[in-house]
Amino acid sequence: MFVLELTYIAPIDRIDAAMAEHVAWLDAHYASGVFIASGRKVPRDGGIILALGDDRSKIEEITQSDPFTVAGVCDYTITEFIPTKTSEAMESYRQELPS
């Protein structure tokens, strides 16, 4: 699993101008099963996406296709983690540590 942290590097008016395309991009990755949660950070200086996958390079490709990235209005930090403990609602995402 990956935590994708977006940090805005442009004024909010430029973020808002790319928002519709960004939301369509999010919707496509929800439909494909890669994204499982997302939302704005508080204060509004970026966002967070939880993404499923075991191939970091694929996740990096996905972030490079974000309309926010294409427009040059955000930077991404990608953190991979192993969700060894979850709520019951997220039990299907729970993983074992490698041996």
PDB file of N, CA and C in Angstrom:
ATOM      1  N   MET A   1       0.861  -1.167   0.000  1.00  0.00           N
ATOM      2  CA  MET A   1       0.000   0.000   0.000  1.00  0.00           C
ATOM      3  C   MET A   1       0.905   1.227   0.000  1.00  0.00           C
ATOM      4  N   PHE A   2       0.372   2.315  -0.526  1.00  0.00           N
ATOM      5  CA  PHE A   2       1.137   3.548  -0.635  1.00  0.00           C
ATOM      6  C   PHE A   2       0.317   4.728  -0.114  1.00  0.00           C
ATOM      7  N   VAL A   3       1.000   5.641   0.545  1.00  0.00           N
ATOM      8  CA  VAL A   3       0.431   6.935   0.897  1.00  0.00           C
ATOM      9  C   VAL A   3       1.033   7.924  -0.088  1.00  0.00           C
ATOM     10  N   LEU A   4       0.173   8.566  -0.853  1.00  0.00           N
ATOM     11  CA  LEU A   4       0.600   9.576  -1.817  1.00  0.00           C
ATOM     12  C   LEU A   4       0.247  10.924  -1.219  1.00  0.00           C
ATOM     13  N   GLU A   5       1.254  11.715  -0.911  1.00  0.00           N
ATOM     14  CA  GLU A   5       1.015  13.029  -0.335  1.00  0.00           C
ATOM     15  C   GLU A   5       1.292  14.101  -1.376  1.00  0.00           C
ATOM     16  N   LEU A   6       0.256  14.858  -1.700  1.00  0.00           N
ATOM     17  CA  LEU A   6       0.386  15.977  -2.637  1.00  0.00           C
ATOM     18  C   LEU A   6       0.650  17.244  -1.834  1.00  0.00           C
ATOM     19  N   THR A   7       1.580  18.039  -2.296  1.00  0.00           N
ATOM     20  CA  THR A   7       1.838  19.350  -1.717  1.00  0.00           C
ATOM     21  C   THR A   7       1.708  20.372  -2.829  1.00  0.00           C
ATOM     22  N   TYR A   8       0.797  21.334  -2.627  1.00  0.00           N
ATOM     23  CA  TYR A   8       0.596  22.364  -3.640  1.00  0.00           C
ATOM     24  C   TYR A   8       1.828  23.269  -3.717  1.00  0.00           C
ATOM     25  N   ILE A   9       2.226  23.588  -4.945  1.00  0.00           N
ATOM     26  CA  ILE A   9       3.360  24.479  -5.174  1.00  0.00           C
ATOM     27  C   ILE A   9       2.947  25.681  -6.027  1.00  0.00           C
ATOM     28  N   ALA A  10       1.651  25.895  -6.113  1.00  0.00           N
ATOM     29  CA  ALA A  10       1.100  27.002  -6.895  1.00  0.00           C
ATOM     30  C   ALA A  10      -0.068  27.604  -6.116  1.00  0.00           C
ATOM     31  N   PRO A  11      -0.471  28.818  -6.468  1.00  0.00           N
ATOM     32  CA  PRO A  11      -1.621  29.443  -5.803  1.00  0.00           C
ATOM     33  C   PRO A  11      -2.904  28.616  -6.000  1.00  0.00           C
ATOM     34  N   ILE A  12      -3.804  28.739  -5.036  1.00  0.00           N
ATOM     35  CA  ILE A  12      -5.056  27.963  -5.045  1.00  0.00           C
ATOM     36  C   ILE A  12      -5.861  28.189  -6.316  1.00  0.00           C
ATOM     37  N   ASP A  13      -5.823  29.367  -6.919  1.00  0.00           N
ATOM     38  CA  ASP A  13      -6.593  29.581  -8.139  1.00  0.00           C
ATOM     39  C   ASP A  13      -6.098  28.664  -9.264  1.00  0.00           C
ATOM     40  N   ARG A  14      -4.801  28.370  -9.302  1.00  0.00           N
ATOM     41  CA  ARG A  14      -4.280  27.429 -10.303  1.00  0.00           C
ATOM     42  C   ARG A  14      -4.665  25.995  -9.953  1.00  0.00           C
ATOM     43  N   ILE A  15      -4.718  25.682  -8.668  1.00  0.00           N
ATOM     44  CA  ILE A  15      -5.187  24.356  -8.228  1.00  0.00           C
ATOM     45  C   ILE A  15      -6.635  24.179  -8.661  1.00  0.00           C
ATOM     46  N   ASP A  16      -7.464  25.155  -8.345  1.00  0.00           N
ATOM     47  CA  ASP A  16      -8.887  25.080  -8.680  1.00  0.00           C
ATOM     48  C   ASP A  16      -9.110  24.980 -10.192  1.00  0.00           C
ATOM     49  N   ALA A  17      -8.254  25.609 -10.975  1.00  0.00           N
ATOM     50  CA  ALA A  17      -8.400  25.553 -12.438  1.00  0.00           C
ATOM     51  C   ALA A  17      -8.176  24.143 -12.971  1.00  0.00           C
ATOM     52  N   ALA A  18      -7.383  23.344 -12.273  1.00  0.00           N
ATOM     53  CA  ALA A  18      -7.098  21.966 -12.711  1.00  0.00           C
ATOM     54  C   ALA A  18      -7.928  20.930 -11.955  1.00  0.00           C
ATOM     55  N   MET A  19      -8.804  21.375 -11.054  1.00  0.00           N
ATOM     56  CA  MET A  19      -9.522  20.456 -10.167  1.00  0.00           C
ATOM     57  C   MET A  19     -10.436  19.480 -10.905  1.00  0.00           C
ATOM     58  N   ALA A  20     -11.200  19.920 -11.884  1.00  0.00           N
ATOM     59  CA  ALA A  20     -12.127  19.014 -12.578  1.00  0.00           C
ATOM     60  C   ALA A  20     -11.370  17.864 -13.236  1.00  0.00           C
ATOM     61  N   GLU A  21     -10.248  18.174 -13.867  1.00  0.00           N
ATOM     62  CA  GLU A  21      -9.443  17.126 -14.509  1.00  0.00           C
ATOM     63  C   GLU A  21      -8.824  16.201 -13.464  1.00  0.00           C
ATOM     64  N   HIS A  22      -8.398  16.768 -12.336  1.00  0.00           N
ATOM     65  CA  HIS A  22      -7.826  15.971 -11.246  1.00  0.00           C
ATOM     66  C   HIS A  22      -8.877  15.000 -10.694  1.00  0.00           C
ATOM     67  N   VAL A  23     -10.103  15.485 -10.490  1.00  0.00           N
ATOM     68  CA  VAL A  23     -11.174  14.629  -9.965  1.00  0.00           C
ATOM     69  C   VAL A  23     -11.495  13.512 -10.951  1.00  0.00           C
ATOM     70  N   ALA A  24     -11.520  13.795 -12.245  1.00  0.00           N
ATOM     71  CA  ALA A  24     -11.754  12.750 -13.255  1.00  0.00           C
ATOM     72  C   ALA A  24     -10.631  11.710 -13.203  1.00  0.00           C
ATOM     73  N   TRP A  25      -9.397  12.164 -13.028  1.00  0.00           N
ATOM     74  CA  TRP A  25      -8.240  11.270 -12.889  1.00  0.00           C
ATOM     75  C   TRP A  25      -8.400  10.389 -11.646  1.00  0.00           C
ATOM     76  N   LEU A  26      -8.807  10.999 -10.510  1.00  0.00           N
ATOM     77  CA  LEU A  26      -9.071  10.221  -9.296  1.00  0.00           C
ATOM     78  C   LEU A  26     -10.133   9.161  -9.560  1.00  0.00           C
ATOM     79  N   ASP A  27     -11.244   9.568 -10.184  1.00  0.00           N
ATOM     80  CA  ASP A  27     -12.349   8.648 -10.459  1.00  0.00           C
ATOM     81  C   ASP A  27     -11.887   7.441 -11.270  1.00  0.00           C
ATOM     82  N   ALA A  28     -11.028   7.676 -12.252  1.00  0.00           N
ATOM     83  CA  ALA A  28     -10.527   6.573 -13.091  1.00  0.00           C
ATOM     84  C   ALA A  28      -9.714   5.589 -12.263  1.00  0.00           C
ATOM     85  N   HIS A  29      -8.926   6.093 -11.316  1.00  0.00           N
ATOM     86  CA  HIS A  29      -8.103   5.195 -10.501  1.00  0.00           C
ATOM     87  C   HIS A  29      -8.899   4.532  -9.386  1.00  0.00           C
ATOM     88  N   TYR A  30      -9.992   5.153  -8.941  1.00  0.00           N
ATOM     89  CA  TYR A  30     -10.924   4.453  -8.050  1.00  0.00           C
ATOM     90  C   TYR A  30     -11.586   3.305  -8.811  1.00  0.00           C
ATOM     91  N   ALA A  31     -12.023   3.579 -10.037  1.00  0.00           N
ATOM     92  CA  ALA A  31     -12.699   2.561 -10.850  1.00  0.00           C
ATOM     93  C   ALA A  31     -11.778   1.369 -11.131  1.00  0.00           C
ATOM     94  N   SER A  32     -10.482   1.632 -11.278  1.00  0.00           N
ATOM     95  CA  SER A  32      -9.533   0.543 -11.553  1.00  0.00           C
ATOM     96  C   SER A  32      -9.157  -0.230 -10.292  1.00  0.00           C
ATOM     97  N   GLY A  33      -9.558   0.278  -9.124  1.00  0.00           N
ATOM     98  CA  GLY A  33      -9.267  -0.404  -7.866  1.00  0.00           C
ATOM     99  C   GLY A  33      -7.943  -0.021  -7.226  1.00  0.00           C
ATOM    100  N   VAL A  34      -7.227   0.934  -7.803  1.00  0.00           N
ATOM    101  CA  VAL A  34      -5.926   1.333  -7.247  1.00  0.00           C
ATOM    102  C   VAL A  34      -6.098   2.277  -6.060  1.00  0.00           C
ATOM    103  N   PHE A  35      -7.002   3.245  -6.137  1.00  0.00           N
ATOM    104  CA  PHE A  35      -7.205   4.199  -5.051  1.00  0.00           C
ATOM    105  C   PHE A  35      -8.324   3.703  -4.149  1.00  0.00           C
ATOM    106  N   ILE A  36      -8.116   3.829  -2.824  1.00  0.00           N
ATOM    107  CA  ILE A  36      -9.152   3.407  -1.875  1.00  0.00           C
ATOM    108  C   ILE A  36      -9.625   4.542  -0.971  1.00  0.00           C
ATOM    109  N   ALA A  37      -8.888   5.641  -0.909  1.00  0.00           N
ATOM    110  CA  ALA A  37      -9.308   6.813  -0.121  1.00  0.00           C
ATOM    111  C   ALA A  37      -8.496   8.012  -0.575  1.00  0.00           C
ATOM    112  N   SER A  38      -9.092   9.196  -0.458  1.00  0.00           N
ATOM    113  CA  SER A  38      -8.370  10.426  -0.799  1.00  0.00           C
ATOM    114  C   SER A  38      -9.093  11.609  -0.187  1.00  0.00           C
ATOM    115  N   GLY A  39      -8.369  12.717  -0.089  1.00  0.00           N
ATOM    116  CA  GLY A  39      -8.988  13.940   0.409  1.00  0.00           C
ATOM    117  C   GLY A  39      -7.973  15.048   0.607  1.00  0.00           C
ATOM    118  N   ARG A  40      -8.493  16.237   0.875  1.00  0.00           N
ATOM    119  CA  ARG A  40      -7.671  17.427   1.111  1.00  0.00           C
ATOM    120  C   ARG A  40      -7.002  17.350   2.469  1.00  0.00           C
ATOM    121  N   LYS A  41      -5.817  17.932   2.543  1.00  0.00           N
ATOM    122  CA  LYS A  41      -5.187  18.134   3.836  1.00  0.00           C
ATOM    123  C   LYS A  41      -5.783  19.389   4.470  1.00  0.00           C
ATOM    124  N   VAL A  42      -5.697  19.461   5.784  1.00  0.00           N
ATOM    125  CA  VAL A  42      -6.145  20.627   6.530  1.00  0.00           C
ATOM    126  C   VAL A  42      -4.941  21.134   7.309  1.00  0.00           C
ATOM    127  N   PRO A  43      -4.477  22.350   7.033  1.00  0.00           N
ATOM    128  CA  PRO A  43      -5.020  23.329   6.108  1.00  0.00           C
ATOM    129  C   PRO A  43      -4.862  22.880   4.653  1.00  0.00           C
ATOM    130  N   ARG A  44      -5.553  23.570   3.761  1.00  0.00           N
ATOM    131  CA  ARG A  44      -5.602  23.179   2.355  1.00  0.00           C
ATOM    132  C   ARG A  44      -4.295  23.541   1.632  1.00  0.00           C
ATOM    133  N   ASP A  45      -3.303  22.689   1.838  1.00  0.00           N
ATOM    134  CA  ASP A  45      -2.025  22.881   1.154  1.00  0.00           C
ATOM    135  C   ASP A  45      -1.627  21.648   0.357  1.00  0.00           C
ATOM    136  N   GLY A  46      -2.600  20.764   0.131  1.00  0.00           N
ATOM    137  CA  GLY A  46      -2.344  19.549  -0.631  1.00  0.00           C
ATOM    138  C   GLY A  46      -3.403  18.509  -0.345  1.00  0.00           C
ATOM    139  N   GLY A  47      -3.048  17.244  -0.542  1.00  0.00           N
ATOM    140  CA  GLY A  47      -3.989  16.155  -0.329  1.00  0.00           C
ATOM    141  C   GLY A  47      -3.263  14.859  -0.033  1.00  0.00           C
ATOM    142  N   ILE A  48      -4.058  13.844   0.289  1.00  0.00           N
ATOM    143  CA  ILE A  48      -3.561  12.506   0.587  1.00  0.00           C
ATOM    144  C   ILE A  48      -4.383  11.505  -0.218  1.00  0.00           C
ATOM    145  N   ILE A  49      -3.699  10.509  -0.774  1.00  0.00           N
ATOM    146  CA  ILE A  49      -4.359   9.406  -1.472  1.00  0.00           C
ATOM    147  C   ILE A  49      -3.794   8.105  -0.910  1.00  0.00           C
ATOM    148  N   LEU A  50      -4.659   7.148  -0.588  1.00  0.00           N
ATOM    149  CA  LEU A  50      -4.222   5.795  -0.257  1.00  0.00           C
ATOM    150  C   LEU A  50      -4.375   4.949  -1.511  1.00  0.00           C
ATOM    151  N   ALA A  51      -3.274   4.312  -1.915  1.00  0.00           N
ATOM    152  CA  ALA A  51      -3.259   3.550  -3.166  1.00  0.00           C
ATOM    153  C   ALA A  51      -2.784   2.128  -2.908  1.00  0.00           C
ATOM    154  N   LEU A  52      -3.392   1.189  -3.609  1.00  0.00           N
ATOM    155  CA  LEU A  52      -2.997  -0.211  -3.523  1.00  0.00           C
ATOM    156  C   LEU A  52      -2.023  -0.543  -4.638  1.00  0.00           C
ATOM    157  N   GLY A  53      -1.066  -1.386  -4.326  1.00  0.00           N
ATOM    158  CA  GLY A  53      -0.135  -1.830  -5.348  1.00  0.00           C
ATOM    159  C   GLY A  53       1.113  -2.417  -4.731  1.00  0.00           C
ATOM    160  N   ASP A  54       1.843  -3.142  -5.537  1.00  0.00           N
ATOM    161  CA  ASP A  54       3.105  -3.709  -5.070  1.00  0.00           C
ATOM    162  C   ASP A  54       4.261  -3.301  -5.975  1.00  0.00           C
ATOM    163  N   ASP A  55       3.991  -2.377  -6.898  1.00  0.00           N
ATOM    164  CA  ASP A  55       5.000  -1.922  -7.850  1.00  0.00           C
ATOM    165  C   ASP A  55       5.139  -0.408  -7.738  1.00  0.00           C
ATOM    166  N   ARG A  56       6.180   0.034  -7.043  1.00  0.00           N
ATOM    167  CA  ARG A  56       6.375   1.464  -6.822  1.00  0.00           C
ATOM    168  C   ARG A  56       6.472   2.231  -8.140  1.00  0.00           C
ATOM    169  N   SER A  57       7.130   1.646  -9.140  1.00  0.00           N
ATOM    170  CA  SER A  57       7.279   2.361 -10.416  1.00  0.00           C
ATOM    171  C   SER A  57       5.920   2.611 -11.065  1.00  0.00           C
ATOM    172  N   LYS A  58       4.986   1.692 -10.911  1.00  0.00           N
ATOM    173  CA  LYS A  58       3.630   1.893 -11.451  1.00  0.00           C
ATOM    174  C   LYS A  58       2.925   3.039 -10.722  1.00  0.00           C
ATOM    175  N   ILE A  59       3.088   3.087  -9.406  1.00  0.00           N
ATOM    176  CA  ILE A  59       2.491   4.175  -8.623  1.00  0.00           C
ATOM    177  C   ILE A  59       3.121   5.505  -9.030  1.00  0.00           C
ATOM    178  N   GLU A  60       4.425   5.527  -9.254  1.00  0.00           N
ATOM    179  CA  GLU A  60       5.095   6.752  -9.708  1.00  0.00           C
ATOM    180  C   GLU A  60       4.554   7.194 -11.062  1.00  0.00           C
ATOM    181  N   GLU A  61       4.317   6.240 -11.970  1.00  0.00           N
ATOM    182  CA  GLU A  61       3.719   6.569 -13.280  1.00  0.00           C
ATOM    183  C   GLU A  61       2.341   7.197 -13.105  1.00  0.00           C
ATOM    184  N   ILE A  62       1.555   6.634 -12.193  1.00  0.00           N
ATOM    185  CA  ILE A  62       0.211   7.161 -11.949  1.00  0.00           C
ATOM    186  C   ILE A  62       0.297   8.606 -11.466  1.00  0.00           C
ATOM    187  N   THR A  63       1.197   8.890 -10.525  1.00  0.00           N
ATOM    188  CA  THR A  63       1.290  10.265 -10.018  1.00  0.00           C
ATOM    189  C   THR A  63       1.762  11.224 -11.105  1.00  0.00           C
ATOM    190  N   GLN A  64       2.596  10.757 -12.020  1.00  0.00           N
ATOM    191  CA  GLN A  64       3.065  11.618 -13.108  1.00  0.00           C
ATOM    192  C   GLN A  64       1.952  11.952 -14.091  1.00  0.00           C
ATOM    193  N   SER A  65       0.895  11.129 -14.125  1.00  0.00           N
ATOM    194  CA  SER A  65      -0.222  11.395 -15.026  1.00  0.00           C
ATOM    195  C   SER A  65      -1.308  12.272 -14.400  1.00  0.00           C
ATOM    196  N   ASP A  66      -1.175  12.593 -13.114  1.00  0.00           N
ATOM    197  CA  ASP A  66      -2.152  13.462 -12.448  1.00  0.00           C
ATOM    198  C   ASP A  66      -2.161  14.829 -13.145  1.00  0.00           C
ATOM    199  N   PRO A  67      -3.318  15.330 -13.523  1.00  0.00           N
ATOM    200  CA  PRO A  67      -3.382  16.658 -14.131  1.00  0.00           C
ATOM    201  C   PRO A  67      -2.738  17.756 -13.273  1.00  0.00           C
ATOM    202  N   PHE A  68      -2.735  17.596 -11.954  1.00  0.00           N
ATOM    203  CA  PHE A  68      -2.024  18.544 -11.099  1.00  0.00           C
ATOM    204  C   PHE A  68      -0.520  18.507 -11.392  1.00  0.00           C
ATOM    205  N   THR A  69       0.035  17.313 -11.568  1.00  0.00           N
ATOM    206  CA  THR A  69       1.456  17.188 -11.890  1.00  0.00           C
ATOM    207  C   THR A  69       1.732  17.768 -13.268  1.00  0.00           C
ATOM    208  N   VAL A  70       0.892  17.416 -14.239  1.00  0.00           N
ATOM    209  CA  VAL A  70       1.055  17.898 -15.615  1.00  0.00           C
ATOM    210  C   VAL A  70       1.010  19.424 -15.654  1.00  0.00           C
ATOM    211  N   ALA A  71       0.129  20.017 -14.848  1.00  0.00           N
ATOM    212  CA  ALA A  71      -0.001  21.477 -14.801  1.00  0.00           C
ATOM    213  C   ALA A  71       1.103  22.132 -13.963  1.00  0.00           C
ATOM    214  N   GLY A  72       1.898  21.320 -13.284  1.00  0.00           N
ATOM    215  CA  GLY A  72       2.987  21.857 -12.471  1.00  0.00           C
ATOM    216  C   GLY A  72       2.534  22.565 -11.211  1.00  0.00           C
ATOM    217  N   VAL A  73       1.421  22.084 -10.610  1.00  0.00           N
ATOM    218  CA  VAL A  73       0.886  22.756  -9.433  1.00  0.00           C
ATOM    219  C   VAL A  73       1.058  21.970  -8.137  1.00  0.00           C
ATOM    220  N   CYS A  74       1.637  20.758  -8.215  1.00  0.00           N
ATOM    221  CA  CYS A  74       1.862  19.992  -6.988  1.00  0.00           C
ATOM    222  C   CYS A  74       3.092  19.115  -7.121  1.00  0.00           C
ATOM    223  N   ASP A  75       3.635  18.751  -5.975  1.00  0.00           N
ATOM    224  CA  ASP A  75       4.689  17.750  -5.872  1.00  0.00           C
ATOM    225  C   ASP A  75       4.122  16.568  -5.099  1.00  0.00           C
ATOM    226  N   TYR A  76       4.643  15.380  -5.362  1.00  0.00           N
ATOM    227  CA  TYR A  76       4.225  14.174  -4.659  1.00  0.00           C
ATOM    228  C   TYR A  76       5.350  13.637  -3.788  1.00  0.00           C
ATOM    229  N   THR A  77       4.986  13.140  -2.618  1.00  0.00           N
ATOM    230  CA  THR A  77       5.839  12.298  -1.798  1.00  0.00           C
ATOM    231  C   THR A  77       5.135  10.949  -1.729  1.00  0.00           C
ATOM    232  N   ILE A  78       5.854   9.885  -2.047  1.00  0.00           N
ATOM    233  CA  ILE A  78       5.275   8.542  -2.069  1.00  0.00           C
ATOM    234  C   ILE A  78       5.907   7.728  -0.947  1.00  0.00           C
ATOM    235  N   THR A  79       5.056   7.190  -0.061  1.00  0.00           N
ATOM    236  CA  THR A  79       5.521   6.367   1.040  1.00  0.00           C
ATOM    237  C   THR A  79       4.858   4.998   0.936  1.00  0.00           C
ATOM    238  N   GLU A  80       5.666   3.966   0.822  1.00  0.00           N
ATOM    239  CA  GLU A  80       5.136   2.601   0.808  1.00  0.00           C
ATOM    240  C   GLU A  80       5.106   2.083   2.240  1.00  0.00           C
ATOM    241  N   PHE A  81       4.039   1.360   2.583  1.00  0.00           N
ATOM    242  CA  PHE A  81       3.983   0.734   3.901  1.00  0.00           C
ATOM    243  C   PHE A  81       3.226  -0.586   3.813  1.00  0.00           C
ATOM    244  N   ILE A  82       3.393  -1.395   4.848  1.00  0.00           N
ATOM    245  CA  ILE A  82       2.726  -2.694   4.928  1.00  0.00           C
ATOM    246  C   ILE A  82       1.654  -2.579   6.013  1.00  0.00           C
ATOM    247  N   PRO A  83       0.366  -2.605   5.616  1.00  0.00           N
ATOM    248  CA  PRO A  83      -0.717  -2.460   6.597  1.00  0.00           C
ATOM    249  C   PRO A  83      -0.955  -3.772   7.359  1.00  0.00           C
ATOM    250  N   THR A  84      -0.195  -3.967   8.431  1.00  0.00           N
ATOM    251  CA  THR A  84      -0.291  -5.207   9.204  1.00  0.00           C
ATOM    252  C   THR A  84      -1.431  -5.178  10.216  1.00  0.00           C
ATOM    253  N   LYS A  85      -1.970  -4.008  10.491  1.00  0.00           N
ATOM    254  CA  LYS A  85      -3.092  -3.868  11.419  1.00  0.00           C
ATOM    255  C   LYS A  85      -4.095  -2.919  10.778  1.00  0.00           C
ATOM    256  N   THR A  86      -5.357  -3.315  10.766  1.00  0.00           N
ATOM    257  CA  THR A  86      -6.414  -2.511  10.156  1.00  0.00           C
ATOM    258  C   THR A  86      -7.701  -2.642  10.966  1.00  0.00           C
ATOM    259  N   SER A  87      -8.645  -1.771  10.673  1.00  0.00           N
ATOM    260  CA  SER A  87      -9.992  -1.932  11.211  1.00  0.00           C
ATOM    261  C   SER A  87     -10.648  -3.104  10.487  1.00  0.00           C
ATOM    262  N   GLU A  88     -11.767  -3.569  11.026  1.00  0.00           N
ATOM    263  CA  GLU A  88     -12.500  -4.657  10.353  1.00  0.00           C
ATOM    264  C   GLU A  88     -12.902  -4.249   8.945  1.00  0.00           C
ATOM    265  N   ALA A  89     -13.290  -2.986   8.765  1.00  0.00           N
ATOM    266  CA  ALA A  89     -13.732  -2.509   7.454  1.00  0.00           C
ATOM    267  C   ALA A  89     -12.621  -2.579   6.415  1.00  0.00           C
ATOM    268  N   MET A  90     -11.368  -2.548   6.868  1.00  0.00           N
ATOM    269  CA  MET A  90     -10.233  -2.575   5.937  1.00  0.00           C
ATOM    270  C   MET A  90      -9.459  -3.895   6.015  1.00  0.00           C
ATOM    271  N   GLU A  91     -10.082  -4.886   6.606  1.00  0.00           N
ATOM    272  CA  GLU A  91      -9.420  -6.184   6.804  1.00  0.00           C
ATOM    273  C   GLU A  91      -8.896  -6.791   5.506  1.00  0.00           C
ATOM    274  N   SER A  92      -9.584  -6.590   4.409  1.00  0.00           N
ATOM    275  CA  SER A  92      -9.151  -7.182   3.137  1.00  0.00           C
ATOM    276  C   SER A  92      -7.822  -6.596   2.652  1.00  0.00           C
ATOM    277  N   TYR A  93      -7.398  -5.461   3.219  1.00  0.00           N
ATOM    278  CA  TYR A  93      -6.137  -4.834   2.822  1.00  0.00           C
ATOM    279  C   TYR A  93      -4.977  -5.212   3.754  1.00  0.00           C
ATOM    280  N   ARG A  94      -5.263  -5.942   4.808  1.00  0.00           N
ATOM    281  CA  ARG A  94      -4.247  -6.322   5.791  1.00  0.00           C
ATOM    282  C   ARG A  94      -3.214  -7.252   5.142  1.00  0.00           C
ATOM    283  N   GLN A  95      -1.955  -7.045   5.513  1.00  0.00           N
ATOM    284  CA  GLN A  95      -0.857  -7.856   4.947  1.00  0.00           C
ATOM    285  C   GLN A  95       0.006  -8.432   6.064  1.00  0.00           C
ATOM    286  N   GLU A  96       0.728  -9.460   5.722  1.00  0.00           N
ATOM    287  CA  GLU A  96       1.720 -10.056   6.618  1.00  0.00           C
ATOM    288  C   GLU A  96       3.085  -9.484   6.281  1.00  0.00           C
ATOM    289  N   LEU A  97       3.908  -9.344   7.309  1.00  0.00           N
ATOM    290  CA  LEU A  97       5.288  -8.915   7.053  1.00  0.00           C
ATOM    291  C   LEU A  97       6.024 -10.023   6.305  1.00  0.00           C
ATOM    292  N   PRO A  98       6.915  -9.646   5.375  1.00  0.00           N
ATOM    293  CA  PRO A  98       7.677 -10.685   4.685  1.00  0.00           C
ATOM    294  C   PRO A  98       8.598 -11.412   5.656  1.00  0.00           C
ATOM    295  N   SER A  99       8.849 -12.656   5.357  1.00  0.00           N
ATOM    296  CA  SER A  99       9.725 -13.472   6.224  1.00  0.00           C
ATOM    297  C   SER A  99      11.169 -13.120   6.034  1.00  0.00           C
TER     298      SER A  99
END
